Amino acid sequence: MLCSDTYSMEYVAVYDVRDAVRHLKAHKRDGCTGLESDHIINAGDDCLMHVTQLLNAIFSHGPLRDSFLNSTIVPIPKARNVSMCVSANHHGITFSSVYLKIVDNSFAQIFWSP
């Protein structure tokens, strides 16, 4: 935890966000907002600075917006020759928010890196 001045705390640095973005998989879609991981991966340092400020605001103030927590679950059939009407024949995949993935990766970089 770095202290930039007496009034604000910096929990996440830009290099933490840059490392978190490097761990994003390319060509992955956000389930709710239409944002893709490529938008953040190919963004410049100015965007990463704004994402860092956003994460620091979240960590210092607490609550996340509902749009960060929304996910879209898509059912995928387990096999081709099964009945599509039976829910047991499907498994679901979840499209999470790109920003939530950055938050998860940032936590992993900060707290679980050697």
PDB file of N, CA and C in Angstrom:
ATOM      1  N   MET A   1       0.848  -1.164   0.000  1.00  0.00           N
ATOM      2  CA  MET A   1       0.000   0.000   0.000  1.00  0.00           C
ATOM      3  C   MET A   1       0.898   1.231   0.000  1.00  0.00           C
ATOM      4  N   LEU A   2       0.741   2.060  -0.982  1.00  0.00           N
ATOM      5  CA  LEU A   2       1.536   3.266  -1.109  1.00  0.00           C
ATOM      6  C   LEU A   2       0.692   4.463  -0.716  1.00  0.00           C
ATOM      7  N   CYS A   3       1.282   5.384  -0.011  1.00  0.00           N
ATOM      8  CA  CYS A   3       0.559   6.588   0.390  1.00  0.00           C
ATOM      9  C   CYS A   3       1.088   7.755  -0.420  1.00  0.00           C
ATOM     10  N   SER A   4       0.245   8.308  -1.311  1.00  0.00           N
ATOM     11  CA  SER A   4       0.690   9.406  -2.152  1.00  0.00           C
ATOM     12  C   SER A   4       0.595  10.749  -1.428  1.00  0.00           C
ATOM     13  N   ASP A   5      -0.375  10.928  -0.575  1.00  0.00           N
ATOM     14  CA  ASP A   5      -0.463  12.099   0.286  1.00  0.00           C
ATOM     15  C   ASP A   5      -1.337  11.734   1.485  1.00  0.00           C
ATOM     16  N   THR A   6      -1.615  12.697   2.336  1.00  0.00           N
ATOM     17  CA  THR A   6      -2.335  12.380   3.566  1.00  0.00           C
ATOM     18  C   THR A   6      -3.819  12.139   3.345  1.00  0.00           C
ATOM     19  N   TYR A   7      -4.374  12.516   2.189  1.00  0.00           N
ATOM     20  CA  TYR A   7      -5.807  12.403   1.973  1.00  0.00           C
ATOM     21  C   TYR A   7      -6.220  11.225   1.105  1.00  0.00           C
ATOM     22  N   SER A   8      -5.313  10.657   0.334  1.00  0.00           N
ATOM     23  CA  SER A   8      -5.702   9.553  -0.535  1.00  0.00           C
ATOM     24  C   SER A   8      -4.715   8.400  -0.388  1.00  0.00           C
ATOM     25  N   MET A   9      -5.252   7.223  -0.486  1.00  0.00           N
ATOM     26  CA  MET A   9      -4.431   6.023  -0.417  1.00  0.00           C
ATOM     27  C   MET A   9      -4.407   5.388  -1.796  1.00  0.00           C
ATOM     28  N   GLU A  10      -3.251   4.914  -2.189  1.00  0.00           N
ATOM     29  CA  GLU A  10      -3.132   4.213  -3.460  1.00  0.00           C
ATOM     30  C   GLU A  10      -2.971   2.734  -3.157  1.00  0.00           C
ATOM     31  N   TYR A  11      -4.008   1.974  -3.407  1.00  0.00           N
ATOM     32  CA  TYR A  11      -3.999   0.543  -3.140  1.00  0.00           C
ATOM     33  C   TYR A  11      -3.401  -0.233  -4.313  1.00  0.00           C
ATOM     34  N   VAL A  12      -3.669   0.261  -5.518  1.00  0.00           N
ATOM     35  CA  VAL A  12      -3.231  -0.396  -6.738  1.00  0.00           C
ATOM     36  C   VAL A  12      -2.427   0.605  -7.551  1.00  0.00           C
ATOM     37  N   ALA A  13      -1.288   0.164  -8.057  1.00  0.00           N
ATOM     38  CA  ALA A  13      -0.470   1.021  -8.912  1.00  0.00           C
ATOM     39  C   ALA A  13      -0.746   0.677 -10.380  1.00  0.00           C
ATOM     40  N   VAL A  14      -0.330   1.559 -11.265  1.00  0.00           N
ATOM     41  CA  VAL A  14      -0.564   1.351 -12.696  1.00  0.00           C
ATOM     42  C   VAL A  14       0.095   0.060 -13.164  1.00  0.00           C
ATOM     43  N   TYR A  15       1.285  -0.257 -12.641  1.00  0.00           N
ATOM     44  CA  TYR A  15       1.949  -1.488 -13.072  1.00  0.00           C
ATOM     45  C   TYR A  15       1.183  -2.726 -12.617  1.00  0.00           C
ATOM     46  N   ASP A  16       0.427  -2.639 -11.501  1.00  0.00           N
ATOM     47  CA  ASP A  16      -0.422  -3.754 -11.085  1.00  0.00           C
ATOM     48  C   ASP A  16      -1.554  -3.973 -12.090  1.00  0.00           C
ATOM     49  N   VAL A  17      -2.162  -2.876 -12.524  1.00  0.00           N
ATOM     50  CA  VAL A  17      -3.238  -2.973 -13.505  1.00  0.00           C
ATOM     51  C   VAL A  17      -2.685  -3.463 -14.839  1.00  0.00           C
ATOM     52  N   ARG A  18      -1.518  -2.988 -15.225  1.00  0.00           N
ATOM     53  CA  ARG A  18      -0.904  -3.432 -16.483  1.00  0.00           C
ATOM     54  C   ARG A  18      -0.649  -4.941 -16.437  1.00  0.00           C
ATOM     55  N   ASP A  19      -0.163  -5.452 -15.310  1.00  0.00           N
ATOM     56  CA  ASP A  19       0.045  -6.896 -15.161  1.00  0.00           C
ATOM     57  C   ASP A  19      -1.286  -7.646 -15.196  1.00  0.00           C
ATOM     58  N   ALA A  20      -2.317  -7.086 -14.567  1.00  0.00           N
ATOM     59  CA  ALA A  20      -3.632  -7.725 -14.571  1.00  0.00           C
ATOM     60  C   ALA A  20      -4.209  -7.777 -15.977  1.00  0.00           C
ATOM     61  N   VAL A  21      -4.010  -6.717 -16.744  1.00  0.00           N
ATOM     62  CA  VAL A  21      -4.504  -6.682 -18.124  1.00  0.00           C
ATOM     63  C   VAL A  21      -3.745  -7.677 -18.989  1.00  0.00           C
ATOM     64  N   ARG A  22      -2.463  -7.866 -18.727  1.00  0.00           N
ATOM     65  CA  ARG A  22      -1.678  -8.854 -19.485  1.00  0.00           C
ATOM     66  C   ARG A  22      -2.206 -10.266 -19.297  1.00  0.00           C
ATOM     67  N   HIS A  23      -2.867 -10.530 -18.172  1.00  0.00           N
ATOM     68  CA  HIS A  23      -3.404 -11.854 -17.907  1.00  0.00           C
ATOM     69  C   HIS A  23      -4.811 -12.057 -18.470  1.00  0.00           C
ATOM     70  N   LEU A  24      -5.394 -11.010 -19.065  1.00  0.00           N
ATOM     71  CA  LEU A  24      -6.697 -11.176 -19.704  1.00  0.00           C
ATOM     72  C   LEU A  24      -6.538 -11.984 -20.984  1.00  0.00           C
ATOM     73  N   LYS A  25      -7.510 -12.815 -21.270  1.00  0.00           N
ATOM     74  CA  LYS A  25      -7.507 -13.559 -22.522  1.00  0.00           C
ATOM     75  C   LYS A  25      -8.064 -12.670 -23.621  1.00  0.00           C
ATOM     76  N   ALA A  26      -7.438 -12.714 -24.779  1.00  0.00           N
ATOM     77  CA  ALA A  26      -7.862 -11.885 -25.912  1.00  0.00           C
ATOM     78  C   ALA A  26      -9.167 -12.410 -26.503  1.00  0.00           C
ATOM     79  N   HIS A  27      -9.895 -11.521 -27.144  1.00  0.00           N
ATOM     80  CA  HIS A  27     -11.113 -11.837 -27.896  1.00  0.00           C
ATOM     81  C   HIS A  27     -12.246 -12.362 -27.015  1.00  0.00           C
ATOM     82  N   LYS A  28     -12.285 -11.961 -25.748  1.00  0.00           N
ATOM     83  CA  LYS A  28     -13.357 -12.384 -24.845  1.00  0.00           C
ATOM     84  C   LYS A  28     -14.346 -11.241 -24.684  1.00  0.00           C
ATOM     85  N   ARG A  29     -15.621 -11.566 -24.766  1.00  0.00           N
ATOM     86  CA  ARG A  29     -16.693 -10.600 -24.725  1.00  0.00           C
ATOM     87  C   ARG A  29     -17.225 -10.422 -23.316  1.00  0.00           C
ATOM     88  N   ASP A  30     -17.608  -9.202 -23.001  1.00  0.00           N
ATOM     89  CA  ASP A  30     -18.307  -8.905 -21.754  1.00  0.00           C
ATOM     90  C   ASP A  30     -19.765  -9.290 -21.977  1.00  0.00           C
ATOM     91  N   GLY A  31     -20.380  -9.931 -21.018  1.00  0.00           N
ATOM     92  CA  GLY A  31     -21.740 -10.408 -21.196  1.00  0.00           C
ATOM     93  C   GLY A  31     -22.795  -9.332 -21.240  1.00  0.00           C
ATOM     94  N   CYS A  32     -22.584  -8.203 -20.587  1.00  0.00           N
ATOM     95  CA  CYS A  32     -23.651  -7.224 -20.417  1.00  0.00           C
ATOM     96  C   CYS A  32     -23.447  -5.925 -21.190  1.00  0.00           C
ATOM     97  N   THR A  33     -22.233  -5.431 -21.241  1.00  0.00           N
ATOM     98  CA  THR A  33     -22.012  -4.087 -21.777  1.00  0.00           C
ATOM     99  C   THR A  33     -21.508  -4.062 -23.202  1.00  0.00           C
ATOM    100  N   GLY A  34     -21.118  -5.200 -23.749  1.00  0.00           N
ATOM    101  CA  GLY A  34     -20.578  -5.228 -25.105  1.00  0.00           C
ATOM    102  C   GLY A  34     -19.098  -4.893 -25.156  1.00  0.00           C
ATOM    103  N   LEU A  35     -18.490  -4.704 -24.006  1.00  0.00           N
ATOM    104  CA  LEU A  35     -17.061  -4.428 -23.947  1.00  0.00           C
ATOM    105  C   LEU A  35     -16.295  -5.727 -24.157  1.00  0.00           C
ATOM    106  N   GLU A  36     -15.209  -5.677 -24.891  1.00  0.00           N
ATOM    107  CA  GLU A  36     -14.373  -6.852 -25.106  1.00  0.00           C
ATOM    108  C   GLU A  36     -13.041  -6.658 -24.406  1.00  0.00           C
ATOM    109  N   SER A  37     -12.404  -7.767 -24.081  1.00  0.00           N
ATOM    110  CA  SER A  37     -11.104  -7.690 -23.424  1.00  0.00           C
ATOM    111  C   SER A  37     -10.080  -6.996 -24.321  1.00  0.00           C
ATOM    112  N   ASP A  38     -10.245  -7.106 -25.637  1.00  0.00           N
ATOM    113  CA  ASP A  38      -9.327  -6.447 -26.565  1.00  0.00           C
ATOM    114  C   ASP A  38      -9.340  -4.929 -26.415  1.00  0.00           C
ATOM    115  N   HIS A  39     -10.479  -4.357 -26.019  1.00  0.00           N
ATOM    116  CA  HIS A  39     -10.550  -2.906 -25.813  1.00  0.00           C
ATOM    117  C   HIS A  39      -9.564  -2.474 -24.730  1.00  0.00           C
ATOM    118  N   ILE A  40      -9.472  -3.243 -23.664  1.00  0.00           N
ATOM    119  CA  ILE A  40      -8.580  -2.902 -22.560  1.00  0.00           C
ATOM    120  C   ILE A  40      -7.150  -3.327 -22.871  1.00  0.00           C
ATOM    121  N   ILE A  41      -6.984  -4.489 -23.497  1.00  0.00           N
ATOM    122  CA  ILE A  41      -5.638  -4.984 -23.807  1.00  0.00           C
ATOM    123  C   ILE A  41      -4.910  -4.022 -24.730  1.00  0.00           C
ATOM    124  N   ASN A  42      -5.618  -3.472 -25.711  1.00  0.00           N
ATOM    125  CA  ASN A  42      -4.996  -2.585 -26.695  1.00  0.00           C
ATOM    126  C   ASN A  42      -5.067  -1.116 -26.321  1.00  0.00           C
ATOM    127  N   ALA A  43      -5.597  -0.822 -25.140  1.00  0.00           N
ATOM    128  CA  ALA A  43      -5.695   0.575 -24.692  1.00  0.00           C
ATOM    129  C   ALA A  43      -4.317   1.096 -24.297  1.00  0.00           C
ATOM    130  N   GLY A  44      -4.195   2.382 -24.314  1.00  0.00           N
ATOM    131  CA  GLY A  44      -2.923   3.008 -23.952  1.00  0.00           C
ATOM    132  C   GLY A  44      -2.784   3.197 -22.455  1.00  0.00           C
ATOM    133  N   ASP A  45      -1.667   3.787 -22.084  1.00  0.00           N
ATOM    134  CA  ASP A  45      -1.376   4.015 -20.665  1.00  0.00           C
ATOM    135  C   ASP A  45      -2.349   4.990 -20.018  1.00  0.00           C
ATOM    136  N   ASP A  46      -2.913   5.915 -20.797  1.00  0.00           N
ATOM    137  CA  ASP A  46      -3.892   6.843 -20.226  1.00  0.00           C
ATOM    138  C   ASP A  46      -5.124   6.099 -19.731  1.00  0.00           C
ATOM    139  N   CYS A  47      -5.580   5.134 -20.507  1.00  0.00           N
ATOM    140  CA  CYS A  47      -6.745   4.336 -20.100  1.00  0.00           C
ATOM    141  C   CYS A  47      -6.418   3.514 -18.863  1.00  0.00           C
ATOM    142  N   LEU A  48      -5.214   2.928 -18.832  1.00  0.00           N
ATOM    143  CA  LEU A  48      -4.830   2.134 -17.666  1.00  0.00           C
ATOM    144  C   LEU A  48      -4.730   2.997 -16.412  1.00  0.00           C
ATOM    145  N   MET A  49      -4.344   4.253 -16.576  1.00  0.00           N
ATOM    146  CA  MET A  49      -4.305   5.177 -15.441  1.00  0.00           C
ATOM    147  C   MET A  49      -5.716   5.422 -14.909  1.00  0.00           C
ATOM    148  N   HIS A  50      -6.681   5.572 -15.810  1.00  0.00           N
ATOM    149  CA  HIS A  50      -8.070   5.774 -15.376  1.00  0.00           C
ATOM    150  C   HIS A  50      -8.629   4.516 -14.719  1.00  0.00           C
ATOM    151  N   VAL A  51      -8.299   3.345 -15.241  1.00  0.00           N
ATOM    152  CA  VAL A  51      -8.735   2.097 -14.630  1.00  0.00           C
ATOM    153  C   VAL A  51      -8.111   1.965 -13.237  1.00  0.00           C
ATOM    154  N   THR A  52      -6.849   2.365 -13.094  1.00  0.00           N
ATOM    155  CA  THR A  52      -6.186   2.341 -11.787  1.00  0.00           C
ATOM    156  C   THR A  52      -6.900   3.258 -10.802  1.00  0.00           C
ATOM    157  N   GLN A  53      -7.255   4.444 -11.237  1.00  0.00           N
ATOM    158  CA  GLN A  53      -7.988   5.368 -10.367  1.00  0.00           C
ATOM    159  C   GLN A  53      -9.347   4.797  -9.982  1.00  0.00           C
ATOM    160  N   LEU A  54     -10.001   4.140 -10.932  1.00  0.00           N
ATOM    161  CA  LEU A  54     -11.285   3.509 -10.649  1.00  0.00           C
ATOM    162  C   LEU A  54     -11.136   2.415  -9.604  1.00  0.00           C
ATOM    163  N   LEU A  55     -10.123   1.554  -9.762  1.00  0.00           N
ATOM    164  CA  LEU A  55      -9.908   0.480  -8.792  1.00  0.00           C
ATOM    165  C   LEU A  55      -9.564   1.036  -7.415  1.00  0.00           C
ATOM    166  N   ASN A  56      -8.746   2.070  -7.354  1.00  0.00           N
ATOM    167  CA  ASN A  56      -8.410   2.676  -6.065  1.00  0.00           C
ATOM    168  C   ASN A  56      -9.647   3.279  -5.401  1.00  0.00           C
ATOM    169  N   ALA A  57     -10.538   3.867  -6.196  1.00  0.00           N
ATOM    170  CA  ALA A  57     -11.784   4.400  -5.635  1.00  0.00           C
ATOM    171  C   ALA A  57     -12.663   3.276  -5.107  1.00  0.00           C
ATOM    172  N   ILE A  58     -12.708   2.154  -5.836  1.00  0.00           N
ATOM    173  CA  ILE A  58     -13.500   1.009  -5.384  1.00  0.00           C
ATOM    174  C   ILE A  58     -12.932   0.453  -4.085  1.00  0.00           C
ATOM    175  N   PHE A  59     -11.603   0.288  -4.024  1.00  0.00           N
ATOM    176  CA  PHE A  59     -10.985  -0.285  -2.832  1.00  0.00           C
ATOM    177  C   PHE A  59     -11.097   0.641  -1.623  1.00  0.00           C
ATOM    178  N   SER A  60     -11.107   1.941  -1.848  1.00  0.00           N
ATOM    179  CA  SER A  60     -11.184   2.854  -0.704  1.00  0.00           C
ATOM    180  C   SER A  60     -12.620   3.106  -0.249  1.00  0.00           C
ATOM    181  N   HIS A  61     -13.587   3.045  -1.172  1.00  0.00           N
ATOM    182  CA  HIS A  61     -14.969   3.354  -0.809  1.00  0.00           C
ATOM    183  C   HIS A  61     -15.831   2.119  -0.610  1.00  0.00           C
ATOM    184  N   GLY A  62     -15.418   0.973  -1.127  1.00  0.00           N
ATOM    185  CA  GLY A  62     -16.122  -0.262  -0.831  1.00  0.00           C
ATOM    186  C   GLY A  62     -17.008  -0.842  -1.913  1.00  0.00           C
ATOM    187  N   PRO A  63     -18.185  -0.301  -2.137  1.00  0.00           N
ATOM    188  CA  PRO A  63     -19.140  -1.009  -2.982  1.00  0.00           C
ATOM    189  C   PRO A  63     -18.787  -0.969  -4.473  1.00  0.00           C
ATOM    190  N   LEU A  64     -19.181  -2.029  -5.153  1.00  0.00           N
ATOM    191  CA  LEU A  64     -19.044  -2.102  -6.607  1.00  0.00           C
ATOM    192  C   LEU A  64     -20.382  -1.772  -7.245  1.00  0.00           C
ATOM    193  N   ARG A  65     -20.332  -1.226  -8.431  1.00  0.00           N
ATOM    194  CA  ARG A  65     -21.565  -0.994  -9.180  1.00  0.00           C
ATOM    195  C   ARG A  65     -22.156  -2.338  -9.582  1.00  0.00           C
ATOM    196  N   ASP A  66     -23.457  -2.377  -9.733  1.00  0.00           N
ATOM    197  CA  ASP A  66     -24.120  -3.613 -10.147  1.00  0.00           C
ATOM    198  C   ASP A  66     -23.646  -4.071 -11.516  1.00  0.00           C
ATOM    199  N   SER A  67     -23.274  -3.133 -12.389  1.00  0.00           N
ATOM    200  CA  SER A  67     -22.823  -3.519 -13.723  1.00  0.00           C
ATOM    201  C   SER A  67     -21.509  -4.300 -13.677  1.00  0.00           C
ATOM    202  N   PHE A  68     -20.720  -4.115 -12.628  1.00  0.00           N
ATOM    203  CA  PHE A  68     -19.498  -4.894 -12.468  1.00  0.00           C
ATOM    204  C   PHE A  68     -19.821  -6.334 -12.094  1.00  0.00           C
ATOM    205  N   LEU A  69     -20.907  -6.520 -11.371  1.00  0.00           N
ATOM    206  CA  LEU A  69     -21.239  -7.828 -10.836  1.00  0.00           C
ATOM    207  C   LEU A  69     -22.170  -8.635 -11.735  1.00  0.00           C
ATOM    208  N   ASN A  70     -22.750  -7.999 -12.750  1.00  0.00           N
ATOM    209  CA  ASN A  70     -23.643  -8.709 -13.661  1.00  0.00           C
ATOM    210  C   ASN A  70     -22.860  -9.679 -14.529  1.00  0.00           C
ATOM    211  N   SER A  71     -23.433 -10.824 -14.736  1.00  0.00           N
ATOM    212  CA  SER A  71     -22.856 -11.843 -15.603  1.00  0.00           C
ATOM    213  C   SER A  71     -23.963 -12.412 -16.473  1.00  0.00           C
ATOM    214  N   THR A  72     -23.579 -12.940 -17.608  1.00  0.00           N
ATOM    215  CA  THR A  72     -24.523 -13.585 -18.500  1.00  0.00           C
ATOM    216  C   THR A  72     -24.172 -15.060 -18.568  1.00  0.00           C
ATOM    217  N   ILE A  73     -25.128 -15.923 -18.253  1.00  0.00           N
ATOM    218  CA  ILE A  73     -24.908 -17.371 -18.301  1.00  0.00           C
ATOM    219  C   ILE A  73     -25.535 -17.895 -19.588  1.00  0.00           C
ATOM    220  N   VAL A  74     -24.730 -18.602 -20.362  1.00  0.00           N
ATOM    221  CA  VAL A  74     -25.172 -19.149 -21.639  1.00  0.00           C
ATOM    222  C   VAL A  74     -25.148 -20.675 -21.537  1.00  0.00           C
ATOM    223  N   PRO A  75     -26.281 -21.339 -21.815  1.00  0.00           N
ATOM    224  CA  PRO A  75     -26.285 -22.806 -21.758  1.00  0.00           C
ATOM    225  C   PRO A  75     -25.634 -23.405 -23.006  1.00  0.00           C
ATOM    226  N   ILE A  76     -24.805 -24.389 -22.795  1.00  0.00           N
ATOM    227  CA  ILE A  76     -24.114 -25.094 -23.874  1.00  0.00           C
ATOM    228  C   ILE A  76     -24.516 -26.565 -23.796  1.00  0.00           C
ATOM    229  N   PRO A  77     -24.979 -27.157 -24.903  1.00  0.00           N
ATOM    230  CA  PRO A  77     -25.321 -28.587 -24.862  1.00  0.00           C
ATOM    231  C   PRO A  77     -24.087 -29.441 -24.601  1.00  0.00           C
ATOM    232  N   LYS A  78     -24.263 -30.495 -23.816  1.00  0.00           N
ATOM    233  CA  LYS A  78     -23.142 -31.375 -23.484  1.00  0.00           C
ATOM    234  C   LYS A  78     -22.756 -32.266 -24.655  1.00  0.00           C
ATOM    235  N   ALA A  79     -23.708 -32.622 -25.492  1.00  0.00           N
ATOM    236  CA  ALA A  79     -23.433 -33.474 -26.651  1.00  0.00           C
ATOM    237  C   ALA A  79     -24.435 -33.130 -27.755  1.00  0.00           C
ATOM    238  N   ARG A  80     -24.170 -33.617 -28.961  1.00  0.00           N
ATOM    239  CA  ARG A  80     -25.065 -33.322 -30.088  1.00  0.00           C
ATOM    240  C   ARG A  80     -26.320 -34.183 -30.080  1.00  0.00           C
ATOM    241  N   ASN A  81     -26.242 -35.383 -29.578  1.00  0.00           N
ATOM    242  CA  ASN A  81     -27.341 -36.332 -29.694  1.00  0.00           C
ATOM    243  C   ASN A  81     -28.237 -36.359 -28.467  1.00  0.00           C
ATOM    244  N   VAL A  82     -28.279 -35.297 -27.682  1.00  0.00           N
ATOM    245  CA  VAL A  82     -29.104 -35.272 -26.478  1.00  0.00           C
ATOM    246  C   VAL A  82     -30.316 -34.384 -26.714  1.00  0.00           C
ATOM    247  N   SER A  83     -31.313 -34.573 -25.891  1.00  0.00           N
ATOM    248  CA  SER A  83     -32.508 -33.746 -25.980  1.00  0.00           C
ATOM    249  C   SER A  83     -32.188 -32.328 -25.503  1.00  0.00           C
ATOM    250  N   MET A  84     -32.511 -31.354 -26.321  1.00  0.00           N
ATOM    251  CA  MET A  84     -32.239 -29.958 -25.977  1.00  0.00           C
ATOM    252  C   MET A  84     -33.246 -29.403 -24.966  1.00  0.00           C
ATOM    253  N   CYS A  85     -34.316 -30.136 -24.719  1.00  0.00           N
ATOM    254  CA  CYS A  85     -35.358 -29.678 -23.809  1.00  0.00           C
ATOM    255  C   CYS A  85     -35.069 -30.002 -22.352  1.00  0.00           C
ATOM    256  N   VAL A  86     -34.082 -30.848 -22.087  1.00  0.00           N
ATOM    257  CA  VAL A  86     -33.758 -31.267 -20.726  1.00  0.00           C
ATOM    258  C   VAL A  86     -32.573 -30.438 -20.230  1.00  0.00           C
ATOM    259  N   SER A  87     -32.760 -29.763 -19.112  1.00  0.00           N
ATOM    260  CA  SER A  87     -31.703 -28.878 -18.606  1.00  0.00           C
ATOM    261  C   SER A  87     -30.474 -29.648 -18.134  1.00  0.00           C
ATOM    262  N   ALA A  88     -30.632 -30.896 -17.753  1.00  0.00           N
ATOM    263  CA  ALA A  88     -29.488 -31.697 -17.307  1.00  0.00           C
ATOM    264  C   ALA A  88     -28.511 -31.990 -18.452  1.00  0.00           C
ATOM    265  N   ASN A  89     -28.956 -31.794 -19.678  1.00  0.00           N
ATOM    266  CA  ASN A  89     -28.102 -32.040 -20.837  1.00  0.00           C
ATOM    267  C   ASN A  89     -27.297 -30.805 -21.242  1.00  0.00           C
ATOM    268  N   HIS A  90     -27.308 -29.790 -20.420  1.00  0.00           N
ATOM    269  CA  HIS A  90     -26.582 -28.557 -20.704  1.00  0.00           C
ATOM    270  C   HIS A  90     -25.645 -28.222 -19.543  1.00  0.00           C
ATOM    271  N   HIS A  91     -24.584 -27.507 -19.841  1.00  0.00           N
ATOM    272  CA  HIS A  91     -23.788 -26.874 -18.804  1.00  0.00           C
ATOM    273  C   HIS A  91     -23.662 -25.404 -19.190  1.00  0.00           C
ATOM    274  N   GLY A  92     -23.455 -24.570 -18.209  1.00  0.00           N
ATOM    275  CA  GLY A  92     -23.439 -23.142 -18.476  1.00  0.00           C
ATOM    276  C   GLY A  92     -22.042 -22.557 -18.449  1.00  0.00           C
ATOM    277  N   ILE A  93     -21.826 -21.551 -19.281  1.00  0.00           N
ATOM    278  CA  ILE A  93     -20.617 -20.740 -19.198  1.00  0.00           C
ATOM    279  C   ILE A  93     -21.054 -19.320 -18.855  1.00  0.00           C
ATOM    280  N   THR A  94     -20.185 -18.608 -18.191  1.00  0.00           N
ATOM    281  CA  THR A  94     -20.533 -17.276 -17.713  1.00  0.00           C
ATOM    282  C   THR A  94     -19.635 -16.232 -18.344  1.00  0.00           C
ATOM    283  N   PHE A  95     -20.253 -15.187 -18.879  1.00  0.00           N
ATOM    284  CA  PHE A  95     -19.523 -14.025 -19.371  1.00  0.00           C
ATOM    285  C   PHE A  95     -19.549 -12.980 -18.266  1.00  0.00           C
ATOM    286  N   SER A  96     -18.403 -12.746 -17.635  1.00  0.00           N
ATOM    287  CA  SER A  96     -18.300 -11.753 -16.566  1.00  0.00           C
ATOM    288  C   SER A  96     -17.816 -10.428 -17.127  1.00  0.00           C
ATOM    289  N   SER A  97     -17.953  -9.395 -16.344  1.00  0.00           N
ATOM    290  CA  SER A  97     -17.504  -8.061 -16.721  1.00  0.00           C
ATOM    291  C   SER A  97     -15.984  -8.037 -16.881  1.00  0.00           C
ATOM    292  N   VAL A  98     -15.507  -7.343 -17.892  1.00  0.00           N
ATOM    293  CA  VAL A  98     -14.066  -7.200 -18.109  1.00  0.00           C
ATOM    294  C   VAL A  98     -13.430  -6.489 -16.918  1.00  0.00           C
ATOM    295  N   TYR A  99     -14.125  -5.502 -16.381  1.00  0.00           N
ATOM    296  CA  TYR A  99     -13.584  -4.782 -15.224  1.00  0.00           C
ATOM    297  C   TYR A  99     -13.494  -5.692 -13.998  1.00  0.00           C
ATOM    298  N   LEU A 100     -14.469  -6.590 -13.830  1.00  0.00           N
ATOM    299  CA  LEU A 100     -14.404  -7.524 -12.715  1.00  0.00           C
ATOM    300  C   LEU A 100     -13.223  -8.479 -12.884  1.00  0.00           C
ATOM    301  N   LYS A 101     -12.927  -8.861 -14.100  1.00  0.00           N
ATOM    302  CA  LYS A 101     -11.760  -9.715 -14.350  1.00  0.00           C
ATOM    303  C   LYS A 101     -10.472  -8.970 -14.009  1.00  0.00           C
ATOM    304  N   ILE A 102     -10.424  -7.676 -14.296  1.00  0.00           N
ATOM    305  CA  ILE A 102      -9.246  -6.873 -13.947  1.00  0.00           C
ATOM    306  C   ILE A 102      -9.116  -6.778 -12.426  1.00  0.00           C
ATOM    307  N   VAL A 103     -10.244  -6.598 -11.725  1.00  0.00           N
ATOM    308  CA  VAL A 103     -10.213  -6.560 -10.258  1.00  0.00           C
ATOM    309  C   VAL A 103      -9.692  -7.889  -9.719  1.00  0.00           C
ATOM    310  N   ASP A 104     -10.206  -9.001 -10.242  1.00  0.00           N
ATOM    311  CA  ASP A 104      -9.746 -10.324  -9.797  1.00  0.00           C
ATOM    312  C   ASP A 104      -8.262 -10.511 -10.067  1.00  0.00           C
ATOM    313  N   ASN A 105      -7.822 -10.150 -11.267  1.00  0.00           N
ATOM    314  CA  ASN A 105      -6.407 -10.298 -11.607  1.00  0.00           C
ATOM    315  C   ASN A 105      -5.530  -9.371 -10.768  1.00  0.00           C
ATOM    316  N   SER A 106      -6.037  -8.184 -10.441  1.00  0.00           N
ATOM    317  CA  SER A 106      -5.271  -7.253  -9.602  1.00  0.00           C
ATOM    318  C   SER A 106      -5.094  -7.825  -8.205  1.00  0.00           C
ATOM    319  N   PHE A 107      -6.165  -8.380  -7.638  1.00  0.00           N
ATOM    320  CA  PHE A 107      -6.050  -9.034  -6.331  1.00  0.00           C
ATOM    321  C   PHE A 107      -5.028 -10.153  -6.383  1.00  0.00           C
ATOM    322  N   ALA A 108      -5.086 -10.939  -7.432  1.00  0.00           N
ATOM    323  CA  ALA A 108      -4.133 -12.056  -7.565  1.00  0.00           C
ATOM    324  C   ALA A 108      -2.700 -11.539  -7.663  1.00  0.00           C
ATOM    325  N   GLN A 109      -2.480 -10.468  -8.397  1.00  0.00           N
ATOM    326  CA  GLN A 109      -1.140  -9.909  -8.545  1.00  0.00           C
ATOM    327  C   GLN A 109      -0.624  -9.313  -7.234  1.00  0.00           C
ATOM    328  N   ILE A 110      -1.505  -8.651  -6.506  1.00  0.00           N
ATOM    329  CA  ILE A 110      -1.075  -7.951  -5.290  1.00  0.00           C
ATOM    330  C   ILE A 110      -0.876  -8.919  -4.131  1.00  0.00           C
ATOM    331  N   PHE A 111      -1.853  -9.807  -3.913  1.00  0.00           N
ATOM    332  CA  PHE A 111      -1.848 -10.602  -2.692  1.00  0.00           C
ATOM    333  C   PHE A 111      -1.259 -11.995  -2.835  1.00  0.00           C
ATOM    334  N   TRP A 112      -1.228 -12.561  -4.051  1.00  0.00           N
ATOM    335  CA  TRP A 112      -0.768 -13.932  -4.177  1.00  0.00           C
ATOM    336  C   TRP A 112       0.463 -14.078  -5.049  1.00  0.00           C
ATOM    337  N   SER A 113       1.111 -12.999  -5.404  1.00  0.00           N
ATOM    338  CA  SER A 113       2.356 -13.088  -6.164  1.00  0.00           C
ATOM    339  C   SER A 113       3.523 -13.254  -5.197  1.00  0.00           C
ATOM    340  N   PRO A 114       4.509 -14.077  -5.586  1.00  0.00           N
ATOM    341  CA  PRO A 114       5.681 -14.260  -4.696  1.00  0.00           C
ATOM    342  C   PRO A 114       6.554 -13.031  -4.660  1.00  0.00           C
TER     343      PRO A 114
END
